Protein backbone atom coordinates (compact mmCIF):
# COMPACT_ATOMS: atom_id res chain seq x y z
CA MET A 1 18.74 41.97 22.78
CA ILE A 2 17.40 38.70 21.31
CA GLU A 3 19.28 35.49 22.09
CA ILE A 4 19.01 32.59 19.63
CA THR A 5 19.47 29.09 21.09
CA GLN A 6 18.65 25.50 20.24
CA ALA A 7 14.90 24.94 20.51
CA THR A 8 13.60 22.53 23.11
CA ASP A 9 10.86 20.01 22.31
CA ARG A 10 8.42 22.34 24.05
CA ASP A 11 9.68 25.28 21.94
CA VAL A 12 9.16 23.25 18.74
CA GLU A 13 5.60 22.43 19.78
CA SER A 14 4.90 26.08 20.61
CA ILE A 15 6.43 27.36 17.36
CA GLY A 16 4.26 24.99 15.34
CA GLU A 17 1.11 25.95 17.25
CA ASN A 18 1.84 29.66 16.80
CA LEU A 19 2.16 29.21 13.03
CA ARG A 20 -1.02 27.09 12.89
CA SER A 21 -2.83 29.83 14.83
CA PHE A 22 -1.59 32.47 12.39
CA ASN A 23 -2.74 30.33 9.46
CA ARG A 24 -6.19 29.77 11.04
CA ASP A 25 -6.59 33.53 11.43
CA ALA A 26 -5.77 33.97 7.72
CA ILE A 27 -7.83 31.16 6.12
CA GLY A 28 -9.74 29.31 8.83
CA GLU A 29 -9.27 25.83 10.19
CA ILE A 30 -7.11 23.56 8.02
CA GLU A 31 -8.27 19.97 7.91
CA TYR A 32 -5.80 17.19 7.24
CA SER A 33 -6.92 13.77 5.99
CA PRO A 34 -4.31 11.03 5.79
CA VAL A 35 -4.19 8.71 2.78
CA CYS A 36 -2.22 5.58 3.66
CA LEU A 37 -2.31 2.42 1.56
CA ALA A 38 -0.47 -0.92 1.74
CA ALA A 39 0.08 -3.45 -1.06
CA ARG A 40 0.56 -7.07 0.02
CA ASP A 41 1.34 -10.22 -1.90
CA GLU A 42 -0.48 -13.57 -1.64
CA SER A 43 1.41 -14.45 1.55
CA GLY A 44 0.52 -11.13 3.17
CA ALA A 45 4.02 -9.66 2.87
CA LEU A 46 4.20 -5.91 2.40
CA VAL A 47 5.41 -5.19 -1.16
CA GLY A 48 4.45 -1.54 -1.54
CA GLY A 49 2.72 1.40 -0.01
CA PHE A 50 1.57 4.99 -0.21
CA ILE A 51 1.66 7.72 2.44
CA GLY A 52 0.12 11.12 1.83
CA THR A 53 -2.21 13.78 3.14
CA VAL A 54 -5.07 15.79 1.71
CA PHE A 55 -5.17 19.40 2.87
CA LEU A 56 -6.07 22.76 1.35
CA GLY A 57 -7.51 20.99 -1.70
CA TRP A 58 -4.30 19.12 -2.56
CA LEU A 59 -3.10 15.54 -2.18
CA ALA A 60 0.45 15.76 -0.85
CA ILE A 61 2.32 12.60 -1.88
CA ASP A 62 4.99 11.88 0.71
CA VAL A 63 5.89 8.25 -0.06
CA LEU A 64 5.14 5.85 -2.89
CA TRP A 65 7.25 2.72 -2.56
CA VAL A 66 7.29 -0.68 -4.27
CA ALA A 67 9.72 -3.44 -3.28
CA GLU A 68 12.46 -3.90 -5.88
CA PRO A 69 11.48 -7.46 -6.95
CA CYS A 70 7.86 -6.34 -7.48
CA ARG A 71 8.51 -3.30 -9.66
CA GLY A 72 7.18 -3.29 -13.22
CA ARG A 73 4.04 -5.22 -12.30
CA GLY A 74 1.65 -2.27 -12.02
CA ILE A 75 1.67 -2.09 -8.22
CA GLY A 76 2.91 1.52 -8.15
CA THR A 77 0.36 2.52 -10.77
CA ALA A 78 -2.44 0.85 -8.79
CA LEU A 79 -1.34 2.48 -5.52
CA LEU A 80 -1.13 5.92 -7.14
CA ALA A 81 -4.53 5.54 -8.84
CA LYS A 82 -6.19 4.44 -5.59
CA ALA A 83 -4.52 7.30 -3.68
CA GLU A 84 -5.64 9.85 -6.29
CA ALA A 85 -9.21 8.50 -6.15
CA GLU A 86 -9.16 8.73 -2.36
CA GLY A 87 -7.73 12.25 -2.64
CA LEU A 88 -10.62 13.25 -4.90
CA ARG A 89 -13.11 11.71 -2.48
CA LEU A 90 -11.54 13.77 0.33
CA GLY A 91 -11.77 17.00 -1.69
CA ALA A 92 -8.39 17.25 -3.42
CA GLN A 93 -8.43 18.97 -6.79
CA ALA A 94 -4.76 18.29 -7.52
CA ALA A 95 -1.73 16.36 -6.26
CA TYR A 96 1.92 17.25 -5.74
CA LEU A 97 5.14 15.48 -4.87
CA ASP A 98 8.88 15.70 -5.06
CA THR A 99 11.23 13.08 -6.45
CA PHE A 100 14.98 12.79 -6.80
CA GLN A 101 16.93 12.17 -10.01
CA TRP A 102 17.54 8.52 -9.08
CA GLN A 103 13.89 7.90 -8.20
CA ALA A 104 10.74 7.98 -10.33
CA ARG A 105 10.31 11.18 -12.38
CA GLU A 106 9.50 9.22 -15.56
CA PHE A 107 6.99 7.06 -13.68
CA TYR A 108 5.06 10.16 -12.59
CA GLU A 109 5.30 11.86 -15.98
CA ALA A 110 3.78 8.77 -17.61
CA ARG A 111 0.83 9.20 -15.23
CA GLY A 112 0.18 12.86 -16.02
CA TYR A 113 2.42 14.69 -13.54
CA CYS A 114 4.36 17.76 -14.73
CA GLU A 115 7.54 19.16 -13.26
CA PHE A 116 7.07 22.71 -11.97
CA GLY A 117 10.35 23.21 -10.18
CA ARG A 118 13.77 21.73 -9.61
CA LEU A 119 16.60 22.10 -7.14
CA GLU A 120 19.97 21.41 -8.74
CA ARG A 121 22.88 19.95 -6.76
CA PHE A 122 20.50 18.23 -4.32
CA PRO A 123 22.75 16.40 -3.52
CA GLU A 124 25.81 17.43 -5.52
CA GLY A 125 25.60 15.99 -9.02
CA GLN A 126 21.88 15.20 -8.68
CA TRP A 127 18.58 17.12 -8.65
CA ARG A 128 15.26 17.09 -6.84
CA ALA A 129 12.14 17.72 -8.96
CA PHE A 130 8.74 19.00 -7.81
CA MET A 131 5.72 17.75 -9.75
CA GLN A 132 1.96 18.32 -9.84
CA LYS A 133 -1.16 16.97 -11.51
CA SER A 134 -4.77 18.12 -11.70
CA LEU A 135 -7.12 15.46 -10.35
CA SER A 136 -10.43 17.06 -11.31
């Protein structure tokens, strides 16, 4: 009989390594290249940033953030453009992300991203959209 329990930190590490090993057997080694950018104002204060990863030919956009008082000045557009260029340099052919209803779907659409999926009621009364864009 199989017993299911809470995983320990060691279990989590082992589970992840087992899946990575399975994936390597299927498609070879998977290389990950981080893309991390910071936007700073004249005083050096952080006013925006980008966090993502290039792997399997895609730029995965995890975070694109601009401080509220600095929005509408092109900082997000500049961060995204620089991240996409870096993604291309690192071998990405396309980019993907997810965004919530209260976040930036229109921002991404205006920059060529298309919605390819949506989770309704995430959270209740809202949605979460998944978007992609060809970079090549």
